[in-house]
Amino acid sequence: MDLEKLQLKCECKGMMKKTQLKWKGIEVRGWVCSKCKEELIHPEDAQKALNIEKARKKNALKVKLRKVGKSNVVTVPIAIMESENLKDGQQLEWSVEGKKLILLP
């Protein structure tokens, strides 16, 4: 079943519309009821958000910039690797948006 095409009906009988939500500062996909404003988080995004939140509690998202040979490296926490399905040896791409560094698969 494709959850992206799923049409959900709220307990209040209102229709749910796809939207982007924030949960503890983490962007997630979800649905919001047009009638009562109840929010639901996409199950895949909920799991990713929980993994990230768990890593934050352990301070696992703080990393050091290190020098290896003539290069500088940043490690990616396991929680992020797992939640984003990143694999060893995978090519990633840096981008800069304002003052934010963004690492994309």
C-alpha atoms as a PDB file:
ATOM      1  CA  MET A   1       0.000   0.000   0.000  1.00  0.00           C
ATOM      2  CA  ASP A   2       1.343   3.442  -0.985  1.00  0.00           C
ATOM      3  CA  LEU A   3       0.903   5.707   2.053  1.00  0.00           C
ATOM      4  CA  GLU A   4       1.509   8.788  -0.110  1.00  0.00           C
ATOM      5  CA  LYS A   5      -1.752   8.183  -2.017  1.00  0.00           C
ATOM      6  CA  LEU A   6      -3.728   7.097   1.036  1.00  0.00           C
ATOM      7  CA  GLN A   7      -6.807   9.169   1.856  1.00  0.00           C
ATOM      8  CA  LEU A   8      -7.388   9.172   5.590  1.00  0.00           C
ATOM      9  CA  LYS A   9     -10.514  10.009   7.524  1.00  0.00           C
ATOM     10  CA  CYS A  10     -10.129  11.417  11.043  1.00  0.00           C
ATOM     11  CA  GLU A  11     -11.995  10.072  14.078  1.00  0.00           C
ATOM     12  CA  CYS A  12     -14.061  13.297  13.960  1.00  0.00           C
ATOM     13  CA  LYS A  13     -15.136  12.267  10.409  1.00  0.00           C
ATOM     14  CA  GLY A  14     -13.088  15.085   8.824  1.00  0.00           C
ATOM     15  CA  MET A  15     -10.722  14.403   5.918  1.00  0.00           C
ATOM     16  CA  MET A  16      -6.972  14.327   6.483  1.00  0.00           C
ATOM     17  CA  LYS A  17      -4.731  16.268   4.079  1.00  0.00           C
ATOM     18  CA  LYS A  18      -1.039  15.580   3.411  1.00  0.00           C
ATOM     19  CA  THR A  19       1.287  18.146   4.954  1.00  0.00           C
ATOM     20  CA  GLN A  20       4.773  18.744   6.359  1.00  0.00           C
ATOM     21  CA  LEU A  21       4.922  18.780  10.162  1.00  0.00           C
ATOM     22  CA  LYS A  22       7.589  19.503  12.759  1.00  0.00           C
ATOM     23  CA  TRP A  23       8.070  17.118  15.663  1.00  0.00           C
ATOM     24  CA  LYS A  24      10.637  18.304  18.225  1.00  0.00           C
ATOM     25  CA  GLY A  25      12.255  20.418  15.513  1.00  0.00           C
ATOM     26  CA  ILE A  26      12.449  17.542  13.022  1.00  0.00           C
ATOM     27  CA  GLU A  27      10.665  17.912   9.657  1.00  0.00           C
ATOM     28  CA  VAL A  28       8.315  14.974   9.037  1.00  0.00           C
ATOM     29  CA  ARG A  29       5.637  14.100   6.499  1.00  0.00           C
ATOM     30  CA  GLY A  30       2.147  13.655   7.805  1.00  0.00           C
ATOM     31  CA  TRP A  31      -1.518  14.483   7.617  1.00  0.00           C
ATOM     32  CA  VAL A  32      -3.696  17.106   9.324  1.00  0.00           C
ATOM     33  CA  CYS A  33      -7.478  16.972   9.736  1.00  0.00           C
ATOM     34  CA  SER A  34      -9.227  19.838   7.964  1.00  0.00           C
ATOM     35  CA  LYS A  35     -11.948  19.771  10.632  1.00  0.00           C
ATOM     36  CA  CYS A  36     -10.366  19.256  14.082  1.00  0.00           C
ATOM     37  CA  LYS A  37      -6.675  19.884  13.149  1.00  0.00           C
ATOM     38  CA  GLU A  38      -5.550  16.479  14.529  1.00  0.00           C
ATOM     39  CA  GLU A  39      -2.080  15.617  13.196  1.00  0.00           C
ATOM     40  CA  LEU A  40      -0.685  12.218  12.181  1.00  0.00           C
ATOM     41  CA  ILE A  41       2.962  11.541  11.361  1.00  0.00           C
ATOM     42  CA  HIS A  42       3.962   9.277   8.463  1.00  0.00           C
ATOM     43  CA  PRO A  43       5.136   5.985  10.057  1.00  0.00           C
ATOM     44  CA  GLU A  44       8.507   5.963   8.242  1.00  0.00           C
ATOM     45  CA  ASP A  45       9.215   9.542   9.291  1.00  0.00           C
ATOM     46  CA  ALA A  46       8.065   8.788  12.837  1.00  0.00           C
ATOM     47  CA  GLN A  47      10.698   6.034  13.111  1.00  0.00           C
ATOM     48  CA  LYS A  48      13.424   8.297  11.689  1.00  0.00           C
ATOM     49  CA  ALA A  49      12.429  11.105  14.055  1.00  0.00           C
ATOM     50  CA  LEU A  50      12.501   8.735  17.037  1.00  0.00           C
ATOM     51  CA  ASN A  51      15.988   7.537  16.060  1.00  0.00           C
ATOM     52  CA  ILE A  52      17.223  11.124  15.744  1.00  0.00           C
ATOM     53  CA  GLU A  53      15.616  12.102  19.071  1.00  0.00           C
ATOM     54  CA  LYS A  54      17.222   9.077  20.747  1.00  0.00           C
ATOM     55  CA  ALA A  55      20.615  10.075  19.338  1.00  0.00           C
ATOM     56  CA  ARG A  56      20.148  13.668  20.537  1.00  0.00           C
ATOM     57  CA  LYS A  57      19.529  12.483  24.087  1.00  0.00           C
ATOM     58  CA  LYS A  58      22.860  10.669  24.036  1.00  0.00           C
ATOM     59  CA  ASN A  59      24.612  13.705  22.494  1.00  0.00           C
ATOM     60  CA  ALA A  60      25.439  11.378  19.603  1.00  0.00           C
ATOM     61  CA  LEU A  61      24.711  14.116  17.067  1.00  0.00           C
ATOM     62  CA  LYS A  62      27.677  16.183  18.176  1.00  0.00           C
ATOM     63  CA  VAL A  63      30.717  15.307  16.100  1.00  0.00           C
ATOM     64  CA  LYS A  64      34.256  16.627  15.823  1.00  0.00           C
ATOM     65  CA  LEU A  65      35.979  17.794  12.687  1.00  0.00           C
ATOM     66  CA  ARG A  66      39.136  15.680  12.468  1.00  0.00           C
ATOM     67  CA  LYS A  67      42.163  15.538  10.224  1.00  0.00           C
ATOM     68  CA  VAL A  68      43.020  12.302   8.441  1.00  0.00           C
ATOM     69  CA  GLY A  69      46.055  12.629   6.208  1.00  0.00           C
ATOM     70  CA  LYS A  70      45.540  15.784   4.151  1.00  0.00           C
ATOM     71  CA  SER A  71      41.756  15.698   4.498  1.00  0.00           C
ATOM     72  CA  ASN A  72      39.287  16.752   7.168  1.00  0.00           C
ATOM     73  CA  VAL A  73      36.544  14.299   8.099  1.00  0.00           C
ATOM     74  CA  VAL A  74      33.247  14.389   9.941  1.00  0.00           C
ATOM     75  CA  THR A  75      31.684  11.184  11.230  1.00  0.00           C
ATOM     76  CA  VAL A  76      27.999  10.421  10.752  1.00  0.00           C
ATOM     77  CA  PRO A  77      26.272   9.005  13.856  1.00  0.00           C
ATOM     78  CA  ILE A  78      24.848   5.485  13.529  1.00  0.00           C
ATOM     79  CA  ALA A  79      21.324   6.760  14.299  1.00  0.00           C
ATOM     80  CA  ILE A  80      21.514   9.005  11.228  1.00  0.00           C
ATOM     81  CA  MET A  81      23.060   6.232   9.098  1.00  0.00           C
ATOM     82  CA  GLU A  82      20.225   3.895  10.036  1.00  0.00           C
ATOM     83  CA  SER A  83      17.381   6.406   9.790  1.00  0.00           C
ATOM     84  CA  GLU A  84      18.524   7.621   6.345  1.00  0.00           C
ATOM     85  CA  ASN A  85      19.593   4.164   5.042  1.00  0.00           C
ATOM     86  CA  LEU A  86      23.148   5.343   4.402  1.00  0.00           C
ATOM     87  CA  LYS A  87      25.749   2.691   3.584  1.00  0.00           C
ATOM     88  CA  ASP A  88      29.539   2.583   3.980  1.00  0.00           C
ATOM     89  CA  GLY A  89      31.237   3.876   0.848  1.00  0.00           C
ATOM     90  CA  GLN A  90      28.127   5.714  -0.364  1.00  0.00           C
ATOM     91  CA  GLN A  91      28.742   9.060  -2.109  1.00  0.00           C
ATOM     92  CA  LEU A  92      27.272  12.049  -0.239  1.00  0.00           C
ATOM     93  CA  GLU A  93      27.051  15.689  -1.286  1.00  0.00           C
ATOM     94  CA  TRP A  94      27.581  18.807   0.819  1.00  0.00           C
ATOM     95  CA  SER A  95      25.554  21.954   0.226  1.00  0.00           C
ATOM     96  CA  VAL A  96      25.380  25.263   2.054  1.00  0.00           C
ATOM     97  CA  GLU A  97      22.122  27.096   2.753  1.00  0.00           C
ATOM     98  CA  GLY A  98      22.695  30.315   4.645  1.00  0.00           C
ATOM     99  CA  LYS A  99      24.692  29.313   7.724  1.00  0.00           C
ATOM    100  CA  LYS A 100      23.653  25.636   7.499  1.00  0.00           C
ATOM    101  CA  LEU A 101      25.794  22.817   6.145  1.00  0.00           C
ATOM    102  CA  ILE A 102      23.608  20.135   4.571  1.00  0.00           C
ATOM    103  CA  LEU A 103      24.761  16.610   3.760  1.00  0.00           C
ATOM    104  CA  LEU A 104      22.691  14.910   1.064  1.00  0.00           C
ATOM    105  CA  PRO A 105      22.743  11.298  -0.159  1.00  0.00           C
END
